[in-house]
Amino acid sequence: MALMLGLSALIGFGYSSVSEWKKGKDAALSLQAVYSAQRAYMADNPTADISVITSAQLTAYLPQGWSALPTFTGLQAEALTLNFTTMPPSLLSGSTPYDPSPRTNDGLWDVGE
């Protein structure tokens, strides 16, 4: 019985870790798509100021099949804000940057390197 409980706990912990990693990786992939759209927009509009770009202007440069900027939720299901007026884009929880991963350039919850 103790062995079964121990294995159940181990599987639960492993699933939780994989689920958190997947959420971070999905967020990073969406941020990379927005970053690619930013670069494409700036290539077409080299004198534009990224800090005043609108979501409508950027949406036209998203990958095929995307009709709107992505939305994000954090690990605790909190709503996150996409800051697309800086390059690279980032996620904000309130007014503070959101990145619960160990590093800020690891490709989880950020654009990465």
N, C-alpha and C. Protein backbone atom coordinates (compact mmCIF):
# COMPACT_ATOMS: atom_id res chain seq x y z
N MET A 1 0.83 -1.18 0.00
CA MET A 1 0.00 0.00 0.00
C MET A 1 0.89 1.26 0.00
N ALA A 2 1.93 1.25 0.82
CA ALA A 2 2.83 2.40 0.88
C ALA A 2 3.53 2.61 -0.45
N LEU A 3 3.86 1.52 -1.12
CA LEU A 3 4.51 1.63 -2.42
C LEU A 3 3.58 2.29 -3.44
N MET A 4 2.32 1.91 -3.41
CA MET A 4 1.35 2.51 -4.35
C MET A 4 1.16 3.99 -4.06
N LEU A 5 1.08 4.35 -2.79
CA LEU A 5 0.94 5.76 -2.44
C LEU A 5 2.18 6.55 -2.84
N GLY A 6 3.34 5.98 -2.65
CA GLY A 6 4.59 6.64 -3.04
C GLY A 6 4.67 6.86 -4.54
N LEU A 7 4.29 5.84 -5.31
CA LEU A 7 4.29 5.98 -6.77
C LEU A 7 3.27 7.00 -7.23
N SER A 8 2.10 7.03 -6.59
CA SER A 8 1.08 8.02 -6.94
C SER A 8 1.58 9.44 -6.71
N ALA A 9 2.25 9.65 -5.59
CA ALA A 9 2.79 10.98 -5.28
C ALA A 9 3.86 11.36 -6.28
N LEU A 10 4.71 10.42 -6.65
CA LEU A 10 5.78 10.68 -7.61
C LEU A 10 5.20 11.04 -8.98
N ILE A 11 4.18 10.31 -9.41
CA ILE A 11 3.55 10.59 -10.70
C ILE A 11 2.87 11.96 -10.66
N GLY A 12 2.19 12.27 -9.56
CA GLY A 12 1.55 13.58 -9.43
C GLY A 12 2.54 14.72 -9.50
N PHE A 13 3.67 14.57 -8.83
CA PHE A 13 4.70 15.61 -8.86
C PHE A 13 5.28 15.75 -10.27
N GLY A 14 5.52 14.63 -10.92
CA GLY A 14 6.07 14.67 -12.29
C GLY A 14 5.11 15.31 -13.26
N TYR A 15 3.82 15.00 -13.13
CA TYR A 15 2.82 15.60 -14.01
C TYR A 15 2.74 17.11 -13.80
N SER A 16 2.79 17.53 -12.55
CA SER A 16 2.74 18.96 -12.24
C SER A 16 3.93 19.69 -12.85
N SER A 17 5.10 19.13 -12.75
CA SER A 17 6.30 19.76 -13.31
C SER A 17 6.23 19.84 -14.83
N VAL A 18 5.78 18.78 -15.46
CA VAL A 18 5.66 18.77 -16.91
C VAL A 18 4.59 19.75 -17.37
N SER A 19 3.51 19.83 -16.63
CA SER A 19 2.44 20.78 -16.97
C SER A 19 2.94 22.22 -16.88
N GLU A 20 3.68 22.55 -15.83
CA GLU A 20 4.24 23.90 -15.69
C GLU A 20 5.23 24.20 -16.81
N TRP A 21 6.07 23.23 -17.17
CA TRP A 21 7.02 23.43 -18.26
C TRP A 21 6.28 23.67 -19.57
N LYS A 22 5.21 22.91 -19.82
CA LYS A 22 4.44 23.06 -21.05
C LYS A 22 3.81 24.44 -21.14
N LYS A 23 3.26 24.93 -20.04
CA LYS A 23 2.68 26.28 -20.04
C LYS A 23 3.74 27.33 -20.38
N GLY A 24 4.92 27.18 -19.78
CA GLY A 24 6.01 28.13 -20.06
C GLY A 24 6.48 28.05 -21.49
N LYS A 25 6.59 26.85 -22.02
CA LYS A 25 7.06 26.68 -23.40
C LYS A 25 6.02 27.21 -24.39
N ASP A 26 4.73 26.97 -24.13
CA ASP A 26 3.68 27.51 -25.00
C ASP A 26 3.70 29.04 -24.99
N ALA A 27 3.91 29.62 -23.81
CA ALA A 27 4.00 31.08 -23.71
C ALA A 27 5.20 31.59 -24.50
N ALA A 28 6.33 30.90 -24.39
CA ALA A 28 7.53 31.33 -25.12
C ALA A 28 7.32 31.25 -26.63
N LEU A 29 6.67 30.20 -27.10
CA LEU A 29 6.41 30.08 -28.54
C LEU A 29 5.50 31.21 -29.04
N SER A 30 4.50 31.56 -28.24
CA SER A 30 3.62 32.67 -28.61
C SER A 30 4.37 33.99 -28.60
N LEU A 31 5.24 34.18 -27.60
CA LEU A 31 6.05 35.40 -27.55
C LEU A 31 7.00 35.48 -28.75
N GLN A 32 7.55 34.34 -29.15
CA GLN A 32 8.44 34.33 -30.31
C GLN A 32 7.69 34.70 -31.58
N ALA A 33 6.42 34.27 -31.70
CA ALA A 33 5.61 34.65 -32.86
C ALA A 33 5.35 36.15 -32.87
N VAL A 34 5.08 36.72 -31.70
CA VAL A 34 4.88 38.17 -31.61
C VAL A 34 6.18 38.91 -31.93
N TYR A 35 7.30 38.40 -31.46
CA TYR A 35 8.60 39.01 -31.75
C TYR A 35 8.88 38.98 -33.25
N SER A 36 8.56 37.87 -33.88
CA SER A 36 8.73 37.77 -35.33
C SER A 36 7.84 38.77 -36.05
N ALA A 37 6.62 38.94 -35.57
CA ALA A 37 5.72 39.94 -36.16
C ALA A 37 6.27 41.35 -35.96
N GLN A 38 6.84 41.63 -34.80
CA GLN A 38 7.45 42.94 -34.55
C GLN A 38 8.58 43.21 -35.55
N ARG A 39 9.44 42.22 -35.74
CA ARG A 39 10.57 42.40 -36.66
C ARG A 39 10.08 42.59 -38.09
N ALA A 40 9.05 41.85 -38.50
CA ALA A 40 8.51 42.01 -39.84
C ALA A 40 7.88 43.39 -40.02
N TYR A 41 7.17 43.86 -39.00
CA TYR A 41 6.57 45.19 -39.06
C TYR A 41 7.65 46.26 -39.17
N MET A 42 8.70 46.12 -38.35
CA MET A 42 9.77 47.10 -38.38
C MET A 42 10.54 47.06 -39.70
N ALA A 43 10.62 45.89 -40.33
CA ALA A 43 11.28 45.80 -41.64
C ALA A 43 10.48 46.56 -42.69
N ASP A 44 9.15 46.51 -42.61
CA ASP A 44 8.31 47.24 -43.55
C ASP A 44 8.17 48.71 -43.19
N ASN A 45 8.38 49.05 -41.93
CA ASN A 45 8.22 50.43 -41.44
C ASN A 45 9.44 50.82 -40.62
N PRO A 46 10.59 51.00 -41.27
CA PRO A 46 11.84 51.21 -40.51
C PRO A 46 11.89 52.47 -39.67
N THR A 47 11.07 53.45 -39.98
CA THR A 47 11.10 54.67 -39.18
C THR A 47 10.05 54.68 -38.08
N ALA A 48 9.28 53.60 -37.97
CA ALA A 48 8.23 53.53 -36.95
C ALA A 48 8.85 53.38 -35.56
N ASP A 49 8.11 53.79 -34.57
CA ASP A 49 8.52 53.67 -33.18
C ASP A 49 7.75 52.51 -32.56
N ILE A 50 8.45 51.48 -32.13
CA ILE A 50 7.80 50.28 -31.61
C ILE A 50 6.97 50.58 -30.37
N SER A 51 7.30 51.63 -29.65
CA SER A 51 6.56 51.93 -28.41
C SER A 51 5.16 52.48 -28.66
N VAL A 52 4.84 52.84 -29.90
CA VAL A 52 3.51 53.36 -30.20
C VAL A 52 2.74 52.46 -31.17
N ILE A 53 3.25 51.28 -31.42
CA ILE A 53 2.57 50.34 -32.31
C ILE A 53 1.26 49.88 -31.66
N THR A 54 0.26 49.63 -32.49
CA THR A 54 -1.03 49.13 -31.98
C THR A 54 -1.15 47.63 -32.25
N SER A 55 -2.04 47.01 -31.55
CA SER A 55 -2.23 45.57 -31.75
C SER A 55 -2.76 45.29 -33.15
N ALA A 56 -3.58 46.19 -33.69
CA ALA A 56 -4.10 46.00 -35.05
C ALA A 56 -2.98 46.04 -36.08
N GLN A 57 -2.03 46.92 -35.90
CA GLN A 57 -0.90 46.99 -36.83
C GLN A 57 -0.06 45.72 -36.76
N LEU A 58 0.13 45.19 -35.58
CA LEU A 58 0.97 44.02 -35.38
C LEU A 58 0.27 42.73 -35.80
N THR A 59 -1.04 42.68 -35.65
CA THR A 59 -1.79 41.47 -35.98
C THR A 59 -1.61 41.06 -37.43
N ALA A 60 -1.48 42.02 -38.31
CA ALA A 60 -1.31 41.70 -39.73
C ALA A 60 -0.01 40.95 -40.01
N TYR A 61 0.94 41.02 -39.12
CA TYR A 61 2.24 40.39 -39.32
C TYR A 61 2.41 39.08 -38.54
N LEU A 62 1.36 38.64 -37.86
CA LEU A 62 1.43 37.38 -37.13
C LEU A 62 1.48 36.21 -38.11
N PRO A 63 1.92 35.04 -37.66
CA PRO A 63 1.97 33.88 -38.55
C PRO A 63 0.61 33.54 -39.15
N GLN A 64 0.63 32.85 -40.25
CA GLN A 64 -0.60 32.47 -40.93
C GLN A 64 -1.50 31.67 -39.99
N GLY A 65 -2.77 32.00 -39.98
CA GLY A 65 -3.73 31.32 -39.12
C GLY A 65 -3.99 32.03 -37.81
N TRP A 66 -3.17 32.99 -37.45
CA TRP A 66 -3.38 33.74 -36.22
C TRP A 66 -4.20 34.98 -36.57
N SER A 67 -5.31 35.17 -35.91
CA SER A 67 -6.16 36.32 -36.20
C SER A 67 -6.11 37.40 -35.12
N ALA A 68 -5.42 37.12 -34.04
CA ALA A 68 -5.31 38.10 -32.94
C ALA A 68 -4.04 37.80 -32.15
N LEU A 69 -3.62 38.79 -31.39
CA LEU A 69 -2.48 38.58 -30.50
C LEU A 69 -2.86 37.53 -29.46
N PRO A 70 -1.91 36.71 -29.05
CA PRO A 70 -2.23 35.66 -28.08
C PRO A 70 -2.54 36.22 -26.70
N THR A 71 -3.30 35.44 -25.94
CA THR A 71 -3.56 35.78 -24.54
C THR A 71 -2.80 34.79 -23.67
N PHE A 72 -2.50 35.18 -22.46
CA PHE A 72 -1.65 34.37 -21.59
C PHE A 72 -2.25 34.27 -20.20
N THR A 73 -2.00 33.12 -19.57
CA THR A 73 -2.31 32.95 -18.15
C THR A 73 -1.08 32.38 -17.47
N GLY A 74 -0.87 32.78 -16.24
CA GLY A 74 0.30 32.34 -15.49
C GLY A 74 0.11 30.97 -14.86
N LEU A 75 1.06 30.55 -14.09
CA LEU A 75 1.02 29.24 -13.45
C LEU A 75 -0.12 29.11 -12.45
N GLN A 76 -0.54 30.20 -11.86
CA GLN A 76 -1.64 30.18 -10.89
C GLN A 76 -2.94 30.63 -11.54
N ALA A 77 -3.02 30.53 -12.86
CA ALA A 77 -4.20 30.91 -13.66
C ALA A 77 -4.49 32.41 -13.62
N GLU A 78 -3.49 33.21 -13.27
CA GLU A 78 -3.69 34.65 -13.28
C GLU A 78 -3.54 35.19 -14.71
N ALA A 79 -4.30 36.21 -15.02
CA ALA A 79 -4.24 36.81 -16.36
C ALA A 79 -2.96 37.63 -16.48
N LEU A 80 -2.26 37.44 -17.59
CA LEU A 80 -1.03 38.18 -17.86
C LEU A 80 -1.27 39.13 -19.03
N THR A 81 -0.54 40.23 -19.02
CA THR A 81 -0.63 41.22 -20.08
C THR A 81 0.57 41.08 -21.01
N LEU A 82 0.30 41.12 -22.29
CA LEU A 82 1.36 41.08 -23.30
C LEU A 82 1.86 42.50 -23.53
N ASN A 83 3.14 42.72 -23.29
CA ASN A 83 3.75 44.02 -23.56
C ASN A 83 4.44 43.93 -24.92
N PHE A 84 3.71 44.32 -25.98
CA PHE A 84 4.25 44.24 -27.33
C PHE A 84 4.84 45.56 -27.79
N THR A 85 4.93 46.54 -26.90
CA THR A 85 5.50 47.84 -27.26
C THR A 85 6.98 47.92 -26.93
N THR A 86 7.58 46.81 -26.55
CA THR A 86 9.03 46.73 -26.36
C THR A 86 9.53 45.54 -27.18
N MET A 87 10.79 45.62 -27.58
CA MET A 87 11.39 44.51 -28.32
C MET A 87 12.51 43.93 -27.48
N PRO A 88 12.51 42.67 -27.20
CA PRO A 88 11.48 41.68 -27.50
C PRO A 88 10.27 41.87 -26.59
N PRO A 89 9.12 41.31 -26.99
CA PRO A 89 7.93 41.44 -26.16
C PRO A 89 8.10 40.68 -24.84
N SER A 90 7.29 41.05 -23.87
CA SER A 90 7.38 40.39 -22.57
C SER A 90 5.98 40.26 -21.97
N LEU A 91 5.90 39.49 -20.91
CA LEU A 91 4.65 39.32 -20.19
C LEU A 91 4.72 40.11 -18.90
N LEU A 92 3.59 40.69 -18.53
CA LEU A 92 3.51 41.47 -17.31
C LEU A 92 2.42 40.92 -16.41
N SER A 93 2.72 40.86 -15.14
CA SER A 93 1.72 40.56 -14.13
C SER A 93 1.50 41.86 -13.38
N GLY A 94 0.42 42.52 -13.70
CA GLY A 94 0.24 43.89 -13.21
C GLY A 94 1.21 44.78 -13.97
N SER A 95 2.13 45.39 -13.27
CA SER A 95 3.14 46.23 -13.93
C SER A 95 4.54 45.63 -13.83
N THR A 96 4.66 44.44 -13.25
CA THR A 96 5.97 43.81 -13.10
C THR A 96 6.15 42.69 -14.12
N PRO A 97 7.36 42.51 -14.62
CA PRO A 97 7.61 41.43 -15.58
C PRO A 97 7.31 40.06 -14.96
N TYR A 98 6.75 39.18 -15.77
CA TYR A 98 6.39 37.84 -15.30
C TYR A 98 7.30 36.81 -15.96
N ASP A 99 8.06 36.10 -15.17
CA ASP A 99 8.89 35.00 -15.64
C ASP A 99 9.27 34.15 -14.44
N PRO A 100 8.44 33.13 -14.12
CA PRO A 100 8.73 32.30 -12.95
C PRO A 100 9.83 31.27 -13.18
N SER A 101 10.40 31.21 -14.38
CA SER A 101 11.46 30.24 -14.64
C SER A 101 12.77 30.70 -14.00
N PRO A 102 13.74 29.79 -13.87
CA PRO A 102 14.99 30.13 -13.17
C PRO A 102 15.79 31.26 -13.81
N ARG A 103 15.76 31.36 -15.14
CA ARG A 103 16.52 32.41 -15.83
C ARG A 103 15.59 33.22 -16.71
N THR A 104 15.98 34.43 -17.02
CA THR A 104 15.14 35.30 -17.85
C THR A 104 15.44 35.17 -19.34
N ASN A 105 16.29 34.23 -19.73
CA ASN A 105 16.58 34.05 -21.16
C ASN A 105 16.61 32.56 -21.54
N ASP A 106 15.83 31.75 -20.82
CA ASP A 106 15.87 30.31 -21.05
C ASP A 106 14.81 29.79 -22.02
N GLY A 107 13.99 30.67 -22.59
CA GLY A 107 12.98 30.23 -23.52
C GLY A 107 11.71 29.71 -22.86
N LEU A 108 11.58 29.90 -21.54
CA LEU A 108 10.35 29.60 -20.83
C LEU A 108 9.80 30.93 -20.30
N TRP A 109 8.62 31.27 -20.71
CA TRP A 109 7.98 32.53 -20.34
C TRP A 109 8.69 33.75 -20.91
N ASP A 110 9.59 33.57 -21.86
CA ASP A 110 10.30 34.69 -22.49
C ASP A 110 10.69 34.29 -23.90
N VAL A 111 11.22 35.22 -24.65
CA VAL A 111 11.65 34.95 -26.02
C VAL A 111 12.89 34.08 -26.05
N GLY A 112 13.72 34.17 -25.02
CA GLY A 112 14.93 33.36 -24.97
C GLY A 112 16.03 33.93 -25.83
N GLU A 113 17.04 33.12 -26.09
CA GLU A 113 18.18 33.57 -26.89
C GLU A 113 18.21 32.86 -28.21
